[in-house]
Protein backbone atom coordinates (compact mmCIF):
# COMPACT_ATOMS: atom_id res chain seq x y z
CA MET A 1 0.01 -0.14 0.12
CA GLU A 2 2.86 2.35 0.91
CA GLN A 3 4.54 1.54 -2.39
CA GLN A 4 1.32 2.31 -4.29
CA ARG A 5 0.91 5.64 -2.44
CA ARG A 6 4.34 6.65 -3.44
CA ARG A 7 3.79 5.72 -7.06
CA LYS A 8 0.58 7.79 -7.16
CA GLY A 9 1.89 10.72 -5.29
CA ARG A 10 0.81 12.86 -2.42
CA ASN A 11 -2.67 14.31 -2.27
CA VAL A 12 -1.39 17.77 -1.91
CA ASN A 13 -3.57 20.85 -3.01
CA GLY A 14 -2.55 24.43 -3.78
CA ILE A 15 -0.92 26.77 -6.16
CA VAL A 16 2.87 27.29 -6.58
CA VAL A 17 3.79 30.63 -8.35
CA LEU A 18 7.02 29.56 -10.07
CA ASP A 19 9.60 32.06 -11.24
CA LYS A 20 10.23 30.03 -14.36
CA GLU A 21 13.90 29.99 -15.53
CA GLN A 22 15.01 30.84 -19.03
CA GLY A 23 15.53 27.85 -21.44
CA LEU A 24 12.86 25.68 -19.77
CA SER A 25 9.52 24.70 -21.29
CA SER A 26 6.54 25.39 -19.19
CA ASN A 27 5.71 21.53 -19.19
CA ALA A 28 9.20 20.79 -17.99
CA ALA A 29 8.94 23.29 -15.20
CA LEU A 30 5.65 21.65 -14.22
CA GLN A 31 7.07 18.26 -14.10
CA GLN A 32 10.02 19.35 -11.94
CA VAL A 33 7.73 20.96 -9.48
CA LYS A 34 5.29 18.01 -9.38
CA ARG A 35 8.27 15.72 -8.67
CA LEU A 36 9.54 18.11 -5.99
CA TYR A 37 6.18 18.07 -4.18
CA GLU A 38 5.52 14.44 -5.01
CA ALA A 39 2.15 15.44 -6.11
CA ASN A 40 -0.34 13.08 -7.57
CA LYS A 41 -1.75 15.56 -9.90
CA ALA A 42 -0.43 18.96 -11.38
CA GLY A 43 -1.31 21.36 -14.24
CA HIS A 44 0.04 24.73 -15.51
CA THR A 45 -2.01 27.70 -16.40
CA GLY A 46 -0.88 28.71 -19.86
CA SER A 47 2.59 28.23 -21.56
CA LEU A 48 5.49 30.58 -21.31
CA ASP A 49 8.04 30.40 -24.09
CA PRO A 50 11.32 28.62 -23.11
CA LEU A 51 13.06 31.94 -23.66
CA ALA A 52 10.79 33.73 -21.21
CA THR A 53 11.13 33.90 -17.37
CA GLY A 54 8.70 34.96 -14.63
CA VAL A 55 5.29 34.26 -13.19
CA LEU A 56 4.06 30.69 -13.93
CA PRO A 57 1.31 29.69 -11.55
CA LEU A 58 1.25 25.81 -11.22
CA CYS A 59 -1.70 24.00 -9.74
CA LEU A 60 -1.27 20.97 -7.63
CA GLY A 61 -4.08 18.45 -6.79
CA GLU A 62 -7.54 19.82 -6.57
CA ALA A 63 -6.23 23.26 -7.52
CA THR A 64 -6.11 22.04 -11.14
CA LYS A 65 -9.90 22.71 -11.05
CA VAL A 66 -9.28 26.53 -11.03
CA SER A 67 -6.45 26.44 -13.59
CA GLN A 68 -8.81 27.38 -16.44
CA PHE A 69 -9.60 30.61 -14.73
CA LEU A 70 -5.87 31.48 -14.51
CA LEU A 71 -5.51 30.49 -18.12
CA ASP A 72 -8.21 32.98 -18.96
CA SER A 73 -6.74 35.80 -16.86
CA ASP A 74 -5.02 38.92 -17.99
CA LYS A 75 -1.25 39.11 -18.05
CA LYS A 76 1.63 41.57 -17.87
CA TYR A 77 5.02 41.42 -19.52
CA ARG A 78 8.28 43.23 -19.72
CA ALA A 79 10.08 42.58 -23.02
CA ARG A 80 13.35 43.74 -24.54
CA ILE A 81 13.32 44.05 -28.28
CA LYS A 82 16.24 44.29 -30.65
CA LEU A 83 15.65 46.44 -33.94
CA GLY A 84 17.34 45.61 -37.17
CA GLU A 85 16.85 41.89 -37.33
CA ARG A 86 13.65 39.74 -37.99
CA THR A 87 13.59 36.13 -37.08
CA ASP A 88 11.38 33.21 -38.13
CA THR A 89 10.15 32.76 -34.56
CA GLY A 90 9.92 36.39 -33.48
CA ASP A 91 12.65 35.94 -30.82
CA SER A 92 16.35 35.23 -30.42
CA ALA A 93 15.84 31.47 -30.56
CA GLY A 94 14.98 31.71 -34.19
CA VAL A 95 16.97 32.09 -37.49
CA VAL A 96 17.48 35.68 -38.82
CA ILE A 97 15.36 36.01 -41.96
CA GLU A 98 15.81 39.72 -42.54
CA ARG A 99 18.45 42.16 -41.56
CA SER A 100 18.53 46.02 -41.77
CA ASP A 101 22.03 47.47 -41.08
CA ASP A 102 21.21 50.96 -42.11
CA PHE A 103 18.16 52.35 -40.26
CA SER A 104 17.26 55.33 -38.16
CA VAL A 105 14.61 55.17 -35.46
CA SER A 106 13.88 57.68 -32.77
CA ARG A 107 12.16 57.32 -29.47
CA LYS A 108 9.27 59.29 -30.80
CA MET A 109 8.90 57.08 -33.72
CA ILE A 110 8.78 53.97 -31.44
CA GLU A 111 6.15 55.62 -29.23
CA GLN A 112 3.95 56.56 -32.27
CA ALA A 113 4.23 53.02 -33.76
CA LEU A 114 3.24 51.46 -30.38
CA GLN A 115 -0.10 53.40 -30.48
CA GLN A 116 -1.42 50.90 -33.15
CA PHE A 117 -1.19 47.99 -30.60
CA LYS A 118 -3.41 49.61 -27.93
CA GLY A 119 -6.96 48.47 -27.29
CA ALA A 120 -8.85 45.74 -28.99
CA ILE A 121 -6.90 44.39 -31.93
CA ALA A 122 -6.66 41.39 -34.22
CA GLN A 123 -3.48 39.38 -34.00
CA VAL A 124 -2.35 36.50 -36.31
CA PRO A 125 -0.77 33.82 -34.01
CA PRO A 126 2.91 32.94 -34.93
CA MET A 127 3.65 29.58 -36.64
CA TYR A 128 6.02 28.81 -33.79
CA SER A 129 3.26 28.47 -31.25
CA ALA A 130 1.56 25.67 -29.31
CA LEU A 131 -1.69 26.29 -31.00
CA LYS A 132 -3.10 23.10 -32.61
CA VAL A 133 -4.46 22.70 -36.19
CA ASN A 134 -6.09 19.20 -36.64
CA GLY A 135 -4.50 18.06 -33.43
CA VAL A 136 -0.95 19.11 -34.45
CA PRO A 137 0.89 21.97 -32.80
CA LEU A 138 1.81 24.75 -35.23
CA TYR A 139 5.49 24.79 -34.07
CA LYS A 140 5.82 21.10 -35.35
CA MET A 141 4.55 22.08 -38.70
CA ALA A 142 6.93 25.22 -38.76
CA ARG A 143 9.97 23.09 -37.93
CA LYS A 144 9.31 21.00 -41.03
CA GLY A 145 9.05 24.17 -43.09
CA THR A 146 5.29 24.12 -43.39
CA VAL A 147 3.54 27.45 -43.13
CA ILE A 148 -0.35 27.50 -43.11
CA GLU A 149 -2.79 30.36 -42.94
CA ARG A 150 -3.78 31.33 -39.48
CA GLN A 151 -6.98 33.16 -38.57
CA PRO A 152 -6.52 36.35 -36.66
CA ARG A 153 -7.76 36.44 -33.07
CA GLN A 154 -9.16 39.18 -30.99
CA ILE A 155 -6.94 40.30 -28.19
CA THR A 156 -6.81 43.42 -25.98
CA ILE A 157 -3.70 45.47 -25.11
CA TYR A 158 -4.63 47.39 -22.04
CA SER A 159 -1.37 49.39 -22.10
CA ILE A 160 1.97 49.25 -23.87
CA GLU A 161 4.61 51.67 -22.52
CA LEU A 162 8.22 52.33 -23.79
CA THR A 163 10.43 52.21 -20.68
CA SER A 164 13.92 52.50 -22.36
CA PHE A 165 15.65 52.83 -25.64
CA GLU A 166 19.29 52.71 -26.30
CA ASP A 167 21.28 51.91 -29.38
CA SER A 168 19.17 49.33 -31.21
CA GLU A 169 17.34 47.86 -28.14
CA LEU A 170 14.24 49.04 -26.48
CA GLU A 171 12.19 47.71 -23.55
CA VAL A 172 8.33 47.83 -23.20
CA GLU A 173 5.95 46.87 -20.49
CA ILE A 174 2.66 45.39 -21.70
CA ALA A 175 -0.56 44.68 -19.99
CA CYS A 176 -2.72 42.36 -22.15
CA SER A 177 -5.68 39.83 -22.31
CA LYS A 178 -5.04 36.01 -22.45
CA GLY A 179 -3.78 34.59 -25.84
CA THR A 180 -1.62 37.54 -26.68
CA TYR A 181 1.75 36.66 -28.28
CA ILE A 182 4.35 39.31 -27.43
CA ARG A 183 6.70 37.93 -30.11
CA THR A 184 4.20 38.86 -32.66
CA ILE A 185 3.92 42.44 -31.19
CA ALA A 186 7.65 42.77 -31.51
CA ASP A 187 7.64 41.39 -35.06
CA ASP A 188 4.78 43.75 -36.12
CA LEU A 189 6.46 46.67 -34.46
CA GLY A 190 9.58 45.91 -36.44
CA GLN A 191 7.57 45.93 -39.65
CA ALA A 192 5.89 49.13 -38.78
CA LEU A 193 9.28 50.69 -38.21
CA GLY A 194 10.69 49.29 -41.36
CA CYS A 195 13.71 47.75 -39.83
CA GLY A 196 12.55 44.35 -38.35
CA ALA A 197 12.63 43.29 -34.72
CA HIS A 198 12.53 40.43 -32.39
CA ILE A 199 12.37 39.61 -28.69
CA VAL A 200 15.73 39.12 -26.94
CA ALA A 201 14.36 38.92 -23.43
CA LEU A 202 10.87 38.43 -22.08
CA ARG A 203 9.46 38.29 -18.43
CA ARG A 204 5.99 37.71 -17.48
CA THR A 205 5.48 39.99 -14.40
CA GLN A 206 1.84 39.03 -13.54
CA ALA A 207 -0.68 36.34 -14.31
CA GLY A 208 -4.20 37.07 -12.99
CA VAL A 209 -3.87 37.99 -9.25
CA PHE A 210 -0.35 36.67 -9.01
CA THR A 211 2.80 38.90 -9.36
CA GLU A 212 6.59 38.54 -9.16
CA GLN A 213 6.31 39.09 -5.37
CA ASP A 214 4.54 35.79 -5.20
CA CYS A 215 7.21 33.83 -7.08
CA VAL A 216 9.53 31.25 -5.80
CA SER A 217 12.39 29.68 -7.78
CA ARG A 218 12.79 25.93 -8.41
CA GLN A 219 16.46 26.17 -6.90
CA TYR A 220 15.06 27.62 -3.80
CA LEU A 221 12.28 24.99 -3.37
CA GLU A 222 14.88 22.26 -3.87
CA SER A 223 17.21 23.87 -1.25
CA GLU A 224 14.36 24.23 1.31
CA LYS A 225 13.14 20.64 0.76
CA GLU A 226 16.68 19.32 1.17
CA GLN A 227 17.10 21.09 4.45
CA ALA A 228 13.65 20.59 5.98
CA GLY A 229 11.59 18.36 3.77
CA LEU A 230 8.10 18.43 2.31
CA GLU A 231 6.56 20.27 5.19
CA ARG A 232 8.90 23.29 4.48
CA ILE A 233 8.05 23.69 0.85
CA ASP A 234 4.30 23.13 1.59
CA GLN A 235 4.46 26.52 3.19
CA PHE A 236 4.91 28.18 -0.29
CA LEU A 237 1.57 26.63 -1.41
CA ILE A 238 -1.05 29.32 -1.95
CA PRO A 239 -4.69 28.34 -1.27
CA MET A 240 -6.63 27.76 -4.54
CA ASP A 241 -9.33 30.24 -3.96
CA GLU A 242 -6.87 33.03 -4.06
CA ALA A 243 -6.58 32.50 -7.79
CA ILE A 244 -10.18 33.46 -8.16
CA GLY A 245 -10.30 36.31 -5.56
CA ASP A 246 -12.20 38.53 -7.94
CA LEU A 247 -15.31 36.42 -7.82
CA PRO A 248 -18.09 37.10 -5.27
CA ILE A 249 -18.16 34.99 -2.19
CA VAL A 250 -21.18 32.92 -1.32
CA VAL A 251 -21.09 31.28 2.15
CA LEU A 252 -23.43 28.29 2.75
CA PRO A 253 -24.53 26.62 5.89
CA SER A 254 -23.61 22.83 5.92
CA VAL A 255 -27.17 21.86 5.26
CA THR A 256 -27.41 23.96 2.14
CA ALA A 257 -23.92 23.05 1.03
CA ALA A 258 -24.91 19.39 1.07
CA PHE A 259 -27.42 20.08 -1.75
CA ILE A 260 -24.63 21.88 -3.77
CA LYS A 261 -22.38 18.86 -3.26
CA ASN A 262 -25.13 16.64 -4.73
CA GLY A 263 -25.30 18.79 -7.83
CA GLN A 264 -28.49 20.57 -6.99
CA PRO A 265 -28.96 24.37 -7.19
CA VAL A 266 -29.96 26.21 -4.14
CA LEU A 267 -31.56 29.52 -3.35
CA VAL A 268 -29.65 31.80 -1.15
CA ARG A 269 -30.13 35.44 -0.05
CA HIS A 270 -28.05 38.32 -1.42
CA LEU A 271 -26.85 36.47 -4.48
CA PRO A 272 -25.32 38.46 -7.43
CA GLU A 273 -27.71 38.61 -10.33
CA GLU A 274 -25.39 36.63 -12.64
CA GLY A 275 -22.01 35.15 -13.20
CA LEU A 276 -19.61 32.98 -11.26
CA VAL A 277 -19.18 32.82 -7.48
CA ARG A 278 -16.80 31.32 -4.92
CA LEU A 279 -18.65 28.76 -2.76
CA TYR A 280 -17.70 28.15 0.89
CA GLU A 281 -19.36 25.68 3.40
CA GLU A 282 -18.93 27.95 6.51
CA GLU A 283 -15.25 28.84 6.16
CA GLN A 284 -14.15 26.01 3.85
CA PHE A 285 -13.73 26.59 0.10
CA ILE A 286 -15.81 23.92 -1.68
CA GLY A 287 -15.64 25.25 -5.31
CA ILE A 288 -17.15 27.45 -7.95
CA GLY A 289 -20.77 28.07 -8.57
CA CYS A 290 -22.74 30.04 -11.15
CA ILE A 291 -26.08 31.84 -10.86
CA ASN A 292 -28.66 30.24 -13.16
CA ASP A 293 -31.67 31.76 -14.97
CA ASP A 294 -33.83 31.14 -11.83
CA GLY A 295 -31.57 33.23 -9.62
CA MET A 296 -30.35 30.17 -7.87
CA VAL A 297 -26.70 29.20 -7.29
CA ALA A 298 -25.65 25.97 -9.03
CA PRO A 299 -22.38 24.04 -8.73
CA ARG A 300 -19.95 24.65 -11.68
CA ARG A 301 -16.70 23.06 -10.45
CA LEU A 302 -16.65 21.42 -7.01
CA ILE A 303 -13.48 20.68 -4.83
CA ALA A 304 -13.07 17.26 -3.31
CA THR A 305 -12.91 18.05 0.55
């Protein structure tokens, strides 16, 4: 029985906000943290490019049930962009496909060009992306030299600010909706300026409610576990309901919560008129509910307690 428990992993629940290191895929980072915590189940909340660093919330155990809400959340990035070279991937991991040795770009020109990206815009996803067509990731097609037409997707850039510009490199800070490709913004900016451009450094500074201040590195977790075991690193787990802290709270007495747990909607006073809510049985988080057409709260995603 003990051997079976070890094979399946611990029943550990919560969110680790990892400071992802450069050169590592999001899935590789997830597997490292899952092994560190000896967790039976884990999932990430949207991929970061191997080149990118920063905020990567990882959900362990029952917290995987709120991962979709983090996936759908807004993000913030800090990007360093090099002018004069365009690459096939939009970043420095790719092959240079266009080079402009003689160009003149001013800070004012960059700030004017950035204006076109603000607000709701249509963005064509890059070929080097994890988006799937007929079950095949685009990046696998791109590696074989295949380029297919991609449909533009609606995204929102809430803000994009130039924070520095020196020689041929600039830095921007971007707040955006889910599904935004910063590499594509860099490439499009280079085209707008007529000189080409690509990302040389990218850091995610916020994902949903989580920021750099919430981050912990893999190396630090490994060190803490080595010194004091699993109990020490469990202290870095963030309760899963913090990921959805913007949803209204509905507190249920145990009798009413029992109906919800059996899949039945219930009528509660002072409910919001619509939308999703956080459900609590007394003080314990039990999942996510939604307000139905009858003004009752129905279970949407329940947590095993």
